[in-house]
Amino acid sequence: ILAQAGCEVLGPVATVEEALAMIAGLQASCAVVDANLDGEFTTAVVDSLAEHGIASGVLSGYDKAALPAGLQRLPFLQKPVSSSELLQLVARLSHTGNGTAP
């Protein structure tokens, strides 16, 4: 979906460790991160993205209220998501520049 819309897609990654390794040196306007990778919440990933100035949003099969506070503060989509919802999230993140919820 994202690649067809002209976005550069990096990944997928299976673990938080892989995601953190990918962020080093990453030049991106935004990132969409699954809330859980291999049984671990991705709070460290979104924190690292923020430290690198990359806006992020969260996708999850979990209800937003079940997520750690570090993930709840970000724009959120609950799975399953439609193509238009995902593209709207990416557009929003690309324009806000910081990923924090307005």
N, C-alpha and C. Protein backbone atom coordinates (compact mmCIF):
# COMPACT_ATOMS: atom_id res chain seq x y z
N ILE A 1 0.84 -1.20 0.00
CA ILE A 1 0.00 0.00 0.00
C ILE A 1 0.87 1.25 0.00
N LEU A 2 1.80 1.31 0.95
CA LEU A 2 2.64 2.50 1.05
C LEU A 2 3.59 2.63 -0.14
N ALA A 3 4.18 1.53 -0.56
CA ALA A 3 5.09 1.58 -1.70
C ALA A 3 4.34 2.01 -2.96
N GLN A 4 3.13 1.52 -3.13
CA GLN A 4 2.32 1.91 -4.29
C GLN A 4 1.97 3.39 -4.26
N ALA A 5 1.94 3.98 -3.06
CA ALA A 5 1.63 5.40 -2.92
C ALA A 5 2.87 6.28 -3.04
N GLY A 6 4.03 5.65 -3.31
CA GLY A 6 5.26 6.41 -3.50
C GLY A 6 6.11 6.55 -2.26
N CYS A 7 5.75 5.87 -1.20
CA CYS A 7 6.55 5.91 0.04
C CYS A 7 7.68 4.90 -0.05
N GLU A 8 8.79 5.22 0.58
CA GLU A 8 9.87 4.26 0.70
C GLU A 8 9.61 3.44 1.95
N VAL A 9 9.54 2.15 1.80
CA VAL A 9 9.23 1.27 2.91
C VAL A 9 10.50 0.56 3.34
N LEU A 10 10.84 0.68 4.62
CA LEU A 10 12.00 0.00 5.19
C LEU A 10 11.50 -1.10 6.09
N GLY A 11 12.17 -2.22 6.08
CA GLY A 11 11.71 -3.33 6.88
C GLY A 11 11.01 -4.33 5.99
N PRO A 12 10.29 -5.23 6.56
CA PRO A 12 9.87 -5.25 7.96
C PRO A 12 10.99 -5.71 8.88
N VAL A 13 10.80 -5.45 10.14
CA VAL A 13 11.70 -5.96 11.17
C VAL A 13 10.87 -6.79 12.14
N ALA A 14 11.51 -7.78 12.75
CA ALA A 14 10.78 -8.72 13.61
C ALA A 14 10.93 -8.42 15.09
N THR A 15 11.96 -7.66 15.46
CA THR A 15 12.21 -7.42 16.89
C THR A 15 12.51 -5.94 17.15
N VAL A 16 12.39 -5.56 18.40
CA VAL A 16 12.74 -4.21 18.82
C VAL A 16 14.22 -3.96 18.54
N GLU A 17 15.06 -4.94 18.81
CA GLU A 17 16.50 -4.79 18.57
C GLU A 17 16.79 -4.49 17.10
N GLU A 18 16.15 -5.21 16.19
CA GLU A 18 16.33 -4.95 14.76
C GLU A 18 15.86 -3.54 14.38
N ALA A 19 14.74 -3.13 14.95
CA ALA A 19 14.21 -1.79 14.66
C ALA A 19 15.16 -0.72 15.15
N LEU A 20 15.69 -0.87 16.36
CA LEU A 20 16.62 0.12 16.90
C LEU A 20 17.88 0.20 16.05
N ALA A 21 18.37 -0.93 15.56
CA ALA A 21 19.56 -0.94 14.71
C ALA A 21 19.29 -0.22 13.39
N MET A 22 18.08 -0.34 12.87
CA MET A 22 17.73 0.30 11.61
C MET A 22 17.64 1.82 11.74
N ILE A 23 17.28 2.31 12.91
CA ILE A 23 17.08 3.74 13.12
C ILE A 23 18.38 4.53 13.03
N ALA A 24 19.47 3.93 13.48
CA ALA A 24 20.76 4.62 13.42
C ALA A 24 21.07 5.00 11.98
N GLY A 25 21.20 6.28 11.73
CA GLY A 25 21.51 6.77 10.39
C GLY A 25 20.32 6.86 9.46
N LEU A 26 19.14 6.57 9.96
CA LEU A 26 17.93 6.61 9.14
C LEU A 26 17.56 8.05 8.81
N GLN A 27 17.24 8.29 7.56
CA GLN A 27 16.74 9.59 7.14
C GLN A 27 15.33 9.36 6.63
N ALA A 28 14.36 9.75 7.43
CA ALA A 28 12.96 9.54 7.06
C ALA A 28 12.13 10.68 7.62
N SER A 29 11.01 10.94 6.98
CA SER A 29 10.10 11.97 7.49
C SER A 29 9.17 11.41 8.55
N CYS A 30 8.91 10.10 8.48
CA CYS A 30 8.02 9.49 9.47
C CYS A 30 8.18 7.98 9.47
N ALA A 31 7.58 7.36 10.48
CA ALA A 31 7.60 5.90 10.60
C ALA A 31 6.28 5.44 11.20
N VAL A 32 5.81 4.30 10.72
CA VAL A 32 4.64 3.66 11.29
C VAL A 32 5.15 2.38 11.94
N VAL A 33 4.90 2.24 13.24
CA VAL A 33 5.49 1.17 14.03
C VAL A 33 4.39 0.31 14.64
N ASP A 34 4.56 -1.00 14.54
CA ASP A 34 3.64 -1.90 15.23
C ASP A 34 3.92 -1.77 16.72
N ALA A 35 2.90 -1.81 17.53
CA ALA A 35 3.05 -1.63 18.97
C ALA A 35 3.80 -2.78 19.63
N ASN A 36 3.83 -3.94 18.97
CA ASN A 36 4.42 -5.12 19.58
C ASN A 36 5.24 -5.85 18.54
N LEU A 37 6.52 -6.06 18.83
CA LEU A 37 7.38 -6.86 17.98
C LEU A 37 7.91 -8.03 18.79
N ASP A 38 7.59 -9.21 18.37
CA ASP A 38 8.07 -10.44 19.01
C ASP A 38 7.80 -10.44 20.52
N GLY A 39 6.61 -9.97 20.91
CA GLY A 39 6.21 -10.00 22.31
C GLY A 39 6.69 -8.83 23.15
N GLU A 40 7.33 -7.85 22.54
CA GLU A 40 7.87 -6.70 23.26
C GLU A 40 7.25 -5.41 22.73
N PHE A 41 6.74 -4.59 23.65
CA PHE A 41 6.21 -3.30 23.22
C PHE A 41 7.33 -2.45 22.63
N THR A 42 6.98 -1.60 21.68
CA THR A 42 7.97 -0.85 20.90
C THR A 42 8.20 0.57 21.42
N THR A 43 8.01 0.78 22.69
CA THR A 43 8.23 2.10 23.28
C THR A 43 9.64 2.60 23.02
N ALA A 44 10.64 1.73 23.16
CA ALA A 44 12.04 2.13 22.92
C ALA A 44 12.24 2.56 21.47
N VAL A 45 11.52 1.94 20.55
CA VAL A 45 11.64 2.27 19.14
C VAL A 45 11.09 3.67 18.88
N VAL A 46 9.88 3.96 19.37
CA VAL A 46 9.31 5.29 19.11
C VAL A 46 10.09 6.37 19.85
N ASP A 47 10.65 6.05 21.01
CA ASP A 47 11.49 7.01 21.72
C ASP A 47 12.75 7.33 20.90
N SER A 48 13.36 6.30 20.31
CA SER A 48 14.55 6.50 19.50
C SER A 48 14.22 7.29 18.23
N LEU A 49 13.09 6.98 17.61
CA LEU A 49 12.67 7.76 16.44
C LEU A 49 12.51 9.23 16.80
N ALA A 50 11.88 9.52 17.94
CA ALA A 50 11.70 10.91 18.38
C ALA A 50 13.05 11.59 18.61
N GLU A 51 14.00 10.87 19.20
CA GLU A 51 15.33 11.42 19.43
C GLU A 51 16.02 11.77 18.12
N HIS A 52 15.69 11.05 17.06
CA HIS A 52 16.27 11.30 15.74
C HIS A 52 15.41 12.25 14.91
N GLY A 53 14.36 12.82 15.52
CA GLY A 53 13.52 13.79 14.83
C GLY A 53 12.57 13.19 13.80
N ILE A 54 12.26 11.91 13.96
CA ILE A 54 11.38 11.21 13.02
C ILE A 54 10.01 11.01 13.67
N ALA A 55 9.00 11.57 13.05
CA ALA A 55 7.63 11.43 13.55
C ALA A 55 7.19 9.98 13.43
N SER A 56 6.42 9.50 14.41
CA SER A 56 5.96 8.12 14.33
C SER A 56 4.52 7.99 14.77
N GLY A 57 3.89 6.96 14.24
CA GLY A 57 2.54 6.58 14.61
C GLY A 57 2.55 5.10 14.92
N VAL A 58 1.49 4.63 15.56
CA VAL A 58 1.44 3.25 16.05
C VAL A 58 0.27 2.50 15.42
N LEU A 59 0.54 1.28 14.99
CA LEU A 59 -0.48 0.34 14.56
C LEU A 59 -0.54 -0.77 15.60
N SER A 60 -1.73 -1.24 15.91
CA SER A 60 -1.80 -2.33 16.88
C SER A 60 -3.12 -3.07 16.79
N GLY A 61 -3.06 -4.34 17.11
CA GLY A 61 -4.27 -5.12 17.28
C GLY A 61 -4.84 -4.92 18.67
N TYR A 62 -4.04 -4.35 19.57
CA TYR A 62 -4.48 -4.04 20.92
C TYR A 62 -5.35 -2.79 20.92
N ASP A 63 -6.20 -2.66 21.90
CA ASP A 63 -6.91 -1.41 22.15
C ASP A 63 -5.88 -0.39 22.62
N LYS A 64 -6.03 0.85 22.24
CA LYS A 64 -5.06 1.89 22.61
C LYS A 64 -4.86 1.97 24.12
N ALA A 65 -5.93 1.78 24.89
CA ALA A 65 -5.84 1.88 26.35
C ALA A 65 -4.96 0.78 26.95
N ALA A 66 -4.73 -0.30 26.21
CA ALA A 66 -3.91 -1.41 26.72
C ALA A 66 -2.42 -1.19 26.48
N LEU A 67 -2.08 -0.13 25.77
CA LEU A 67 -0.68 0.13 25.43
C LEU A 67 0.01 0.95 26.50
N PRO A 68 1.34 0.85 26.59
CA PRO A 68 2.09 1.71 27.50
C PRO A 68 1.90 3.18 27.14
N ALA A 69 2.05 4.05 28.12
CA ALA A 69 1.83 5.49 27.92
C ALA A 69 2.68 6.05 26.78
N GLY A 70 3.90 5.55 26.63
CA GLY A 70 4.79 6.03 25.57
C GLY A 70 4.24 5.78 24.17
N LEU A 71 3.40 4.78 24.04
CA LEU A 71 2.76 4.50 22.75
C LEU A 71 1.40 5.17 22.64
N GLN A 72 0.71 5.32 23.75
CA GLN A 72 -0.61 5.95 23.74
C GLN A 72 -0.56 7.40 23.30
N ARG A 73 0.56 8.07 23.51
CA ARG A 73 0.67 9.50 23.20
C ARG A 73 0.77 9.77 21.70
N LEU A 74 0.98 8.73 20.92
CA LEU A 74 1.20 8.90 19.48
C LEU A 74 -0.07 8.67 18.68
N PRO A 75 -0.12 9.20 17.46
CA PRO A 75 -1.23 8.88 16.58
C PRO A 75 -1.36 7.36 16.46
N PHE A 76 -2.58 6.86 16.43
CA PHE A 76 -2.84 5.42 16.59
C PHE A 76 -3.88 4.93 15.60
N LEU A 77 -3.62 3.74 15.05
CA LEU A 77 -4.61 3.03 14.26
C LEU A 77 -4.72 1.61 14.80
N GLN A 78 -5.97 1.16 14.99
CA GLN A 78 -6.17 -0.21 15.46
C GLN A 78 -6.39 -1.12 14.26
N LYS A 79 -5.67 -2.23 14.23
CA LYS A 79 -5.80 -3.21 13.15
C LYS A 79 -7.15 -3.90 13.25
N PRO A 80 -7.71 -4.29 12.14
CA PRO A 80 -7.23 -4.06 10.78
C PRO A 80 -7.49 -2.62 10.35
N VAL A 81 -6.64 -2.11 9.47
CA VAL A 81 -6.79 -0.74 8.97
C VAL A 81 -7.02 -0.78 7.46
N SER A 82 -7.70 0.22 6.98
CA SER A 82 -7.90 0.34 5.53
C SER A 82 -6.71 1.06 4.92
N SER A 83 -6.59 0.92 3.61
CA SER A 83 -5.53 1.63 2.89
C SER A 83 -5.63 3.12 3.11
N SER A 84 -6.84 3.66 3.04
CA SER A 84 -7.00 5.10 3.20
C SER A 84 -6.63 5.56 4.60
N GLU A 85 -6.95 4.78 5.62
CA GLU A 85 -6.57 5.16 7.00
C GLU A 85 -5.04 5.20 7.13
N LEU A 86 -4.37 4.20 6.59
CA LEU A 86 -2.91 4.15 6.68
C LEU A 86 -2.28 5.32 5.93
N LEU A 87 -2.77 5.61 4.75
CA LEU A 87 -2.22 6.72 3.97
C LEU A 87 -2.49 8.06 4.65
N GLN A 88 -3.65 8.21 5.27
CA GLN A 88 -3.95 9.45 6.00
C GLN A 88 -3.02 9.61 7.19
N LEU A 89 -2.71 8.51 7.89
CA LEU A 89 -1.78 8.58 9.02
C LEU A 89 -0.40 9.02 8.54
N VAL A 90 0.08 8.42 7.47
CA VAL A 90 1.40 8.79 6.95
C VAL A 90 1.43 10.25 6.52
N ALA A 91 0.38 10.70 5.86
CA ALA A 91 0.32 12.11 5.45
C ALA A 91 0.33 13.02 6.66
N ARG A 92 -0.42 12.67 7.69
CA ARG A 92 -0.46 13.48 8.92
C ARG A 92 0.92 13.52 9.58
N LEU A 93 1.57 12.36 9.69
CA LEU A 93 2.90 12.31 10.31
C LEU A 93 3.92 13.10 9.50
N SER A 94 3.84 13.00 8.20
CA SER A 94 4.79 13.71 7.34
C SER A 94 4.66 15.22 7.48
N HIS A 95 3.47 15.68 7.79
CA HIS A 95 3.24 17.13 7.90
C HIS A 95 3.43 17.68 9.32
N THR A 96 3.28 16.84 10.36
CA THR A 96 3.44 17.35 11.72
C THR A 96 4.90 17.43 12.10
N GLY A 97 5.71 16.47 11.62
CA GLY A 97 7.13 16.51 11.88
C GLY A 97 7.57 16.03 13.23
N ASN A 98 6.64 15.82 14.18
CA ASN A 98 7.09 15.35 15.48
C ASN A 98 6.34 14.14 15.98
N GLY A 99 5.26 13.77 15.34
CA GLY A 99 4.55 12.56 15.69
C GLY A 99 3.70 12.63 16.93
N THR A 100 3.79 13.70 17.67
CA THR A 100 2.98 13.78 18.87
C THR A 100 1.54 14.08 18.52
N ALA A 101 0.65 13.57 19.30
CA ALA A 101 -0.78 13.80 19.04
C ALA A 101 -1.09 15.27 19.24
N PRO A 102 -1.89 15.85 18.34
CA PRO A 102 -2.20 17.29 18.46
C PRO A 102 -3.11 17.58 19.65
